[in-house]
PDB file of all heavy atoms in Angstrom:
ATOM      1  N   ALA A   1      -9.411  16.244 -43.112  1.00  0.00           N
ATOM      2  CA  ALA A   1      -8.688  16.638 -44.322  1.00  0.00           C
ATOM      3  C   ALA A   1      -8.344  15.435 -45.190  1.00  0.00           C
ATOM      4  O   ALA A   1      -7.969  15.595 -46.345  1.00  0.00           O
ATOM      5  CB  ALA A   1      -7.414  17.389 -43.947  1.00  0.00           C
ATOM      6  N   TYR A   2      -8.484  14.233 -44.604  1.00  0.00           N
ATOM      7  CA  TYR A   2      -8.103  13.026 -45.338  1.00  0.00           C
ATOM      8  C   TYR A   2      -9.288  12.440 -46.085  1.00  0.00           C
ATOM      9  O   TYR A   2     -10.428  12.476 -45.602  1.00  0.00           O
ATOM     10  CB  TYR A   2      -7.541  11.970 -44.378  1.00  0.00           C
ATOM     11  CG  TYR A   2      -6.379  12.455 -43.554  1.00  0.00           C
ATOM     12  CD1 TYR A   2      -6.407  12.371 -42.167  1.00  0.00           C
ATOM     13  CD2 TYR A   2      -5.264  13.017 -44.159  1.00  0.00           C
ATOM     14  CE1 TYR A   2      -5.347  12.831 -41.406  1.00  0.00           C
ATOM     15  CE2 TYR A   2      -4.199  13.472 -43.400  1.00  0.00           C
ATOM     16  CZ  TYR A   2      -4.243  13.383 -42.027  1.00  0.00           C
ATOM     17  OH  TYR A   2      -3.198  13.848 -41.284  1.00  0.00           O
ATOM     18  N   PRO A   3      -9.041  11.880 -47.270  1.00  0.00           N
ATOM     19  CA  PRO A   3     -10.120  11.214 -48.012  1.00  0.00           C
ATOM     20  C   PRO A   3     -10.553   9.921 -47.320  1.00  0.00           C
ATOM     21  O   PRO A   3      -9.871   9.414 -46.423  1.00  0.00           O
ATOM     22  CB  PRO A   3      -9.480  10.924 -49.373  1.00  0.00           C
ATOM     23  CG  PRO A   3      -8.017  10.956 -49.134  1.00  0.00           C
ATOM     24  CD  PRO A   3      -7.771  11.887 -48.002  1.00  0.00           C
ATOM     25  N   GLU A   4     -11.670   9.377 -47.751  1.00  0.00           N
ATOM     26  CA  GLU A   4     -12.299   8.237 -47.087  1.00  0.00           C
ATOM     27  C   GLU A   4     -11.376   7.025 -46.919  1.00  0.00           C
ATOM     28  O   GLU A   4     -11.352   6.423 -45.831  1.00  0.00           O
ATOM     29  CB  GLU A   4     -13.564   7.821 -47.847  1.00  0.00           C
ATOM     30  CG  GLU A   4     -14.377   6.732 -47.183  1.00  0.00           C
ATOM     31  CD  GLU A   4     -14.969   7.155 -45.844  1.00  0.00           C
ATOM     32  OE1 GLU A   4     -15.023   8.371 -45.564  1.00  0.00           O
ATOM     33  OE2 GLU A   4     -15.348   6.257 -45.069  1.00  0.00           O
ATOM     34  N   PRO A   5     -10.599   6.608 -47.927  1.00  0.00           N
ATOM     35  CA  PRO A   5      -9.739   5.424 -47.733  1.00  0.00           C
ATOM     36  C   PRO A   5      -8.737   5.584 -46.587  1.00  0.00           C
ATOM     37  O   PRO A   5      -8.463   4.633 -45.859  1.00  0.00           O
ATOM     38  CB  PRO A   5      -9.023   5.283 -49.075  1.00  0.00           C
ATOM     39  CG  PRO A   5      -9.919   5.946 -50.068  1.00  0.00           C
ATOM     40  CD  PRO A   5     -10.522   7.096 -49.324  1.00  0.00           C
ATOM     41  N   VAL A   6      -8.189   6.814 -46.424  1.00  0.00           N
ATOM     42  CA  VAL A   6      -7.239   7.063 -45.337  1.00  0.00           C
ATOM     43  C   VAL A   6      -7.973   7.100 -44.000  1.00  0.00           C
ATOM     44  O   VAL A   6      -7.500   6.559 -42.998  1.00  0.00           O
ATOM     45  CB  VAL A   6      -6.477   8.385 -45.568  1.00  0.00           C
ATOM     46  CG1 VAL A   6      -5.536   8.677 -44.402  1.00  0.00           C
ATOM     47  CG2 VAL A   6      -5.698   8.317 -46.878  1.00  0.00           C
ATOM     48  N   ARG A   7      -9.151   7.698 -43.994  1.00  0.00           N
ATOM     49  CA  ARG A   7      -9.943   7.753 -42.761  1.00  0.00           C
ATOM     50  C   ARG A   7     -10.242   6.344 -42.241  1.00  0.00           C
ATOM     51  O   ARG A   7     -10.194   6.088 -41.037  1.00  0.00           O
ATOM     52  CB  ARG A   7     -11.267   8.486 -42.998  1.00  0.00           C
ATOM     53  CG  ARG A   7     -11.144   9.960 -43.259  1.00  0.00           C
ATOM     54  CD  ARG A   7     -12.523  10.574 -43.208  1.00  0.00           C
ATOM     55  NE  ARG A   7     -12.550  11.937 -43.712  1.00  0.00           N
ATOM     56  CZ  ARG A   7     -13.618  12.726 -43.648  1.00  0.00           C
ATOM     57  NH1 ARG A   7     -14.729  12.277 -43.093  1.00  0.00           N
ATOM     58  NH2 ARG A   7     -13.577  13.946 -44.126  1.00  0.00           N
ATOM     59  N   LYS A   8     -10.577   5.455 -43.147  1.00  0.00           N
ATOM     60  CA  LYS A   8     -10.933   4.092 -42.731  1.00  0.00           C
ATOM     61  C   LYS A   8      -9.774   3.404 -42.018  1.00  0.00           C
ATOM     62  O   LYS A   8      -9.976   2.660 -41.065  1.00  0.00           O
ATOM     63  CB  LYS A   8     -11.367   3.265 -43.946  1.00  0.00           C
ATOM     64  CG  LYS A   8     -12.790   3.543 -44.403  1.00  0.00           C
ATOM     65  CD  LYS A   8     -13.216   2.581 -45.496  1.00  0.00           C
ATOM     66  CE  LYS A   8     -14.662   2.817 -45.881  1.00  0.00           C
ATOM     67  NZ  LYS A   8     -15.123   1.884 -46.930  1.00  0.00           N
ATOM     68  N   ILE A   9      -8.557   3.668 -42.505  1.00  0.00           N
ATOM     69  CA  ILE A   9      -7.387   3.072 -41.847  1.00  0.00           C
ATOM     70  C   ILE A   9      -7.242   3.628 -40.440  1.00  0.00           C
ATOM     71  O   ILE A   9      -6.922   2.910 -39.489  1.00  0.00           O
ATOM     72  CB  ILE A   9      -6.096   3.355 -42.646  1.00  0.00           C
ATOM     73  CG1 ILE A   9      -6.205   2.819 -44.079  1.00  0.00           C
ATOM     74  CG2 ILE A   9      -4.886   2.751 -41.937  1.00  0.00           C
ATOM     75  CD1 ILE A   9      -6.308   1.320 -44.182  1.00  0.00           C
ATOM     76  N   ILE A  10      -7.524   4.929 -40.271  1.00  0.00           N
ATOM     77  CA  ILE A  10      -7.337   5.577 -38.978  1.00  0.00           C
ATOM     78  C   ILE A  10      -8.404   5.147 -37.974  1.00  0.00           C
ATOM     79  O   ILE A  10      -8.097   4.876 -36.818  1.00  0.00           O
ATOM     80  CB  ILE A  10      -7.338   7.114 -39.140  1.00  0.00           C
ATOM     81  CG1 ILE A  10      -6.119   7.565 -39.961  1.00  0.00           C
ATOM     82  CG2 ILE A  10      -7.357   7.803 -37.778  1.00  0.00           C
ATOM     83  CD1 ILE A  10      -6.111   9.043 -40.285  1.00  0.00           C
ATOM     84  N   TYR A  11      -9.675   5.093 -38.406  1.00  0.00           N
ATOM     85  CA  TYR A  11     -10.718   4.839 -37.411  1.00  0.00           C
ATOM     86  C   TYR A  11     -11.172   3.385 -37.330  1.00  0.00           C
ATOM     87  O   TYR A  11     -12.029   3.056 -36.515  1.00  0.00           O
ATOM     88  CB  TYR A  11     -11.933   5.762 -37.595  1.00  0.00           C
ATOM     89  CG  TYR A  11     -12.824   5.509 -38.784  1.00  0.00           C
ATOM     90  CD1 TYR A  11     -13.572   4.336 -38.906  1.00  0.00           C
ATOM     91  CD2 TYR A  11     -12.990   6.477 -39.771  1.00  0.00           C
ATOM     92  CE1 TYR A  11     -14.410   4.132 -39.981  1.00  0.00           C
ATOM     93  CE2 TYR A  11     -13.824   6.285 -40.848  1.00  0.00           C
ATOM     94  CZ  TYR A  11     -14.543   5.112 -40.947  1.00  0.00           C
ATOM     95  OH  TYR A  11     -15.384   4.904 -42.016  1.00  0.00           O
ATOM     96  N   THR A  12     -10.624   2.524 -38.159  1.00  0.00           N
ATOM     97  CA  THR A  12     -11.004   1.121 -38.027  1.00  0.00           C
ATOM     98  C   THR A  12     -10.597   0.595 -36.648  1.00  0.00           C
ATOM     99  O   THR A  12      -9.532   0.907 -36.146  1.00  0.00           O
ATOM    100  CB  THR A  12     -10.358   0.253 -39.123  1.00  0.00           C
ATOM    101  OG1 THR A  12     -10.771  -1.100 -38.933  1.00  0.00           O
ATOM    102  CG2 THR A  12      -8.847   0.299 -39.044  1.00  0.00           C
ATOM    103  N   THR A  13     -11.458  -0.197 -36.042  1.00  0.00           N
ATOM    104  CA  THR A  13     -11.184  -0.709 -34.699  1.00  0.00           C
ATOM    105  C   THR A  13     -10.306  -1.952 -34.724  1.00  0.00           C
ATOM    106  O   THR A  13      -9.735  -2.334 -33.716  1.00  0.00           O
ATOM    107  CB  THR A  13     -12.495  -1.061 -33.973  1.00  0.00           C
ATOM    108  OG1 THR A  13     -13.186  -2.062 -34.722  1.00  0.00           O
ATOM    109  CG2 THR A  13     -13.365   0.160 -33.816  1.00  0.00           C
ATOM    110  N   ASN A  14     -10.193  -2.591 -35.882  1.00  0.00           N
ATOM    111  CA  ASN A  14      -9.504  -3.886 -35.929  1.00  0.00           C
ATOM    112  C   ASN A  14      -8.016  -3.781 -35.626  1.00  0.00           C
ATOM    113  O   ASN A  14      -7.434  -4.675 -35.026  1.00  0.00           O
ATOM    114  CB  ASN A  14      -9.681  -4.533 -37.311  1.00  0.00           C
ATOM    115  CG  ASN A  14     -11.113  -4.962 -37.549  1.00  0.00           C
ATOM    116  OD1 ASN A  14     -11.854  -5.193 -36.608  1.00  0.00           O
ATOM    117  ND2 ASN A  14     -11.501  -5.053 -38.807  1.00  0.00           N
ATOM    118  N   ALA A  15      -7.386  -2.679 -36.055  1.00  0.00           N
ATOM    119  CA  ALA A  15      -5.925  -2.584 -35.979  1.00  0.00           C
ATOM    120  C   ALA A  15      -5.415  -2.688 -34.553  1.00  0.00           C
ATOM    121  O   ALA A  15      -4.573  -3.523 -34.244  1.00  0.00           O
ATOM    122  CB  ALA A  15      -5.456  -1.280 -36.623  1.00  0.00           C
ATOM    123  N   ILE A  16      -5.928  -1.837 -33.675  1.00  0.00           N
ATOM    124  CA  ILE A  16      -5.381  -1.781 -32.331  1.00  0.00           C
ATOM    125  C   ILE A  16      -6.267  -2.492 -31.313  1.00  0.00           C
ATOM    126  O   ILE A  16      -5.787  -3.032 -30.321  1.00  0.00           O
ATOM    127  CB  ILE A  16      -5.137  -0.306 -31.909  1.00  0.00           C
ATOM    128  CG1 ILE A  16      -4.199  -0.220 -30.711  1.00  0.00           C
ATOM    129  CG2 ILE A  16      -6.446   0.416 -31.640  1.00  0.00           C
ATOM    130  CD1 ILE A  16      -2.762  -0.574 -31.034  1.00  0.00           C
ATOM    131  N   GLU A  17      -7.584  -2.507 -31.558  1.00  0.00           N
ATOM    132  CA  GLU A  17      -8.496  -3.061 -30.562  1.00  0.00           C
ATOM    133  C   GLU A  17      -8.337  -4.576 -30.394  1.00  0.00           C
ATOM    134  O   GLU A  17      -8.347  -5.090 -29.278  1.00  0.00           O
ATOM    135  CB  GLU A  17      -9.952  -2.735 -30.942  1.00  0.00           C
ATOM    136  CG  GLU A  17     -10.305  -1.278 -30.749  1.00  0.00           C
ATOM    137  CD  GLU A  17     -10.183  -0.852 -29.287  1.00  0.00           C
ATOM    138  OE1 GLU A  17     -11.005  -1.273 -28.466  1.00  0.00           O
ATOM    139  OE2 GLU A  17      -9.238  -0.111 -28.979  1.00  0.00           O
ATOM    140  N   SER A  18      -8.206  -5.307 -31.495  1.00  0.00           N
ATOM    141  CA  SER A  18      -8.060  -6.757 -31.386  1.00  0.00           C
ATOM    142  C   SER A  18      -6.744  -7.116 -30.706  1.00  0.00           C
ATOM    143  O   SER A  18      -6.668  -8.076 -29.935  1.00  0.00           O
ATOM    144  CB  SER A  18      -8.134  -7.407 -32.771  1.00  0.00           C
ATOM    145  OG  SER A  18      -7.115  -6.904 -33.619  1.00  0.00           O
ATOM    146  N   LEU A  19      -5.703  -6.320 -30.976  1.00  0.00           N
ATOM    147  CA  LEU A  19      -4.406  -6.548 -30.335  1.00  0.00           C
ATOM    148  C   LEU A  19      -4.509  -6.298 -28.834  1.00  0.00           C
ATOM    149  O   LEU A  19      -4.061  -7.106 -28.017  1.00  0.00           O
ATOM    150  CB  LEU A  19      -3.353  -5.631 -30.963  1.00  0.00           C
ATOM    151  CG  LEU A  19      -1.933  -5.730 -30.404  1.00  0.00           C
ATOM    152  CD1 LEU A  19      -1.374  -7.133 -30.604  1.00  0.00           C
ATOM    153  CD2 LEU A  19      -1.032  -4.700 -31.070  1.00  0.00           C
ATOM    154  N   ASN A  20      -5.134  -5.182 -28.465  1.00  0.00           N
ATOM    155  CA  ASN A  20      -5.276  -4.856 -27.050  1.00  0.00           C
ATOM    156  C   ASN A  20      -6.126  -5.878 -26.307  1.00  0.00           C
ATOM    157  O   ASN A  20      -5.862  -6.199 -25.147  1.00  0.00           O
ATOM    158  CB  ASN A  20      -5.888  -3.462 -26.891  1.00  0.00           C
ATOM    159  CG  ASN A  20      -4.886  -2.350 -27.134  1.00  0.00           C
ATOM    160  OD1 ASN A  20      -3.687  -2.607 -27.217  1.00  0.00           O
ATOM    161  ND2 ASN A  20      -5.359  -1.136 -27.261  1.00  0.00           N
ATOM    162  N   MET A  21      -7.138  -6.384 -26.989  1.00  0.00           N
ATOM    163  CA  MET A  21      -8.023  -7.361 -26.353  1.00  0.00           C
ATOM    164  C   MET A  21      -7.256  -8.615 -25.943  1.00  0.00           C
ATOM    165  O   MET A  21      -7.407  -9.124 -24.831  1.00  0.00           O
ATOM    166  CB  MET A  21      -9.164  -7.731 -27.306  1.00  0.00           C
ATOM    167  CG  MET A  21     -10.274  -8.548 -26.652  1.00  0.00           C
ATOM    168  SD  MET A  21     -11.592  -8.944 -27.835  1.00  0.00           S
ATOM    169  CE  MET A  21     -12.126  -7.293 -28.292  1.00  0.00           C
ATOM    170  N   SER A  22      -6.405  -9.108 -26.848  1.00  0.00           N
ATOM    171  CA  SER A  22      -5.632 -10.314 -26.538  1.00  0.00           C
ATOM    172  C   SER A  22      -4.609 -10.044 -25.435  1.00  0.00           C
ATOM    173  O   SER A  22      -4.380 -10.891 -24.563  1.00  0.00           O
ATOM    174  CB  SER A  22      -4.927 -10.833 -27.798  1.00  0.00           C
ATOM    175  OG  SER A  22      -4.016  -9.872 -28.303  1.00  0.00           O
ATOM    176  N   LEU A  23      -4.007  -8.845 -25.429  1.00  0.00           N
ATOM    177  CA  LEU A  23      -3.032  -8.506 -24.391  1.00  0.00           C
ATOM    178  C   LEU A  23      -3.710  -8.335 -23.033  1.00  0.00           C
ATOM    179  O   LEU A  23      -3.189  -8.785 -22.010  1.00  0.00           O
ATOM    180  CB  LEU A  23      -2.283  -7.229 -24.766  1.00  0.00           C
ATOM    181  CG  LEU A  23      -1.393  -7.299 -26.012  1.00  0.00           C
ATOM    182  CD1 LEU A  23      -0.729  -5.958 -26.262  1.00  0.00           C
ATOM    183  CD2 LEU A  23      -0.345  -8.387 -25.887  1.00  0.00           C
ATOM    184  N   ARG A  24      -4.876  -7.691 -23.020  1.00  0.00           N
ATOM    185  CA  ARG A  24      -5.582  -7.487 -21.745  1.00  0.00           C
ATOM    186  C   ARG A  24      -5.997  -8.822 -21.125  1.00  0.00           C
ATOM    187  O   ARG A  24      -5.990  -8.969 -19.900  1.00  0.00           O
ATOM    188  CB  ARG A  24      -6.820  -6.604 -21.968  1.00  0.00           C
ATOM    189  CG  ARG A  24      -6.492  -5.138 -22.181  1.00  0.00           C
ATOM    190  CD  ARG A  24      -7.740  -4.274 -22.071  1.00  0.00           C
ATOM    191  NE  ARG A  24      -7.436  -2.887 -22.377  1.00  0.00           N
ATOM    192  CZ  ARG A  24      -7.643  -2.317 -23.548  1.00  0.00           C
ATOM    193  NH1 ARG A  24      -8.178  -3.022 -24.539  1.00  0.00           N
ATOM    194  NH2 ARG A  24      -7.334  -1.051 -23.753  1.00  0.00           N
ATOM    195  N   LYS A  25      -6.379  -9.759 -21.960  1.00  0.00           N
ATOM    196  CA  LYS A  25      -6.774 -11.073 -21.453  1.00  0.00           C
ATOM    197  C   LYS A  25      -5.611 -11.749 -20.737  1.00  0.00           C
ATOM    198  O   LYS A  25      -5.768 -12.320 -19.650  1.00  0.00           O
ATOM    199  CB  LYS A  25      -7.260 -11.948 -22.617  1.00  0.00           C
ATOM    200  CG  LYS A  25      -7.761 -13.315 -22.188  1.00  0.00           C
ATOM    201  CD  LYS A  25      -8.255 -14.108 -23.382  1.00  0.00           C
ATOM    202  CE  LYS A  25      -8.718 -15.498 -22.941  1.00  0.00           C
ATOM    203  NZ  LYS A  25      -9.192 -16.299 -24.111  1.00  0.00           N
ATOM    204  N   ILE A  26      -4.436 -11.666 -21.325  1.00  0.00           N
ATOM    205  CA  ILE A  26      -3.249 -12.271 -20.717  1.00  0.00           C
ATOM    206  C   ILE A  26      -2.853 -11.538 -19.440  1.00  0.00           C
ATOM    207  O   ILE A  26      -2.517 -12.155 -18.428  1.00  0.00           O
ATOM    208  CB  ILE A  26      -2.088 -12.279 -21.734  1.00  0.00           C
ATOM    209  CG1 ILE A  26      -2.382 -13.289 -22.847  1.00  0.00           C
ATOM    210  CG2 ILE A  26      -0.764 -12.597 -21.059  1.00  0.00           C
ATOM    211  CD1 ILE A  26      -1.428 -13.220 -23.997  1.00  0.00           C
TER     212      ILE A  26
END
């Protein structure tokens, strides 16, 4: 139901994945 700009924020991997990667390493 969301337009493309909102979708990109939701499905982009950078927001949570990069954070989790650094935490998992530690």
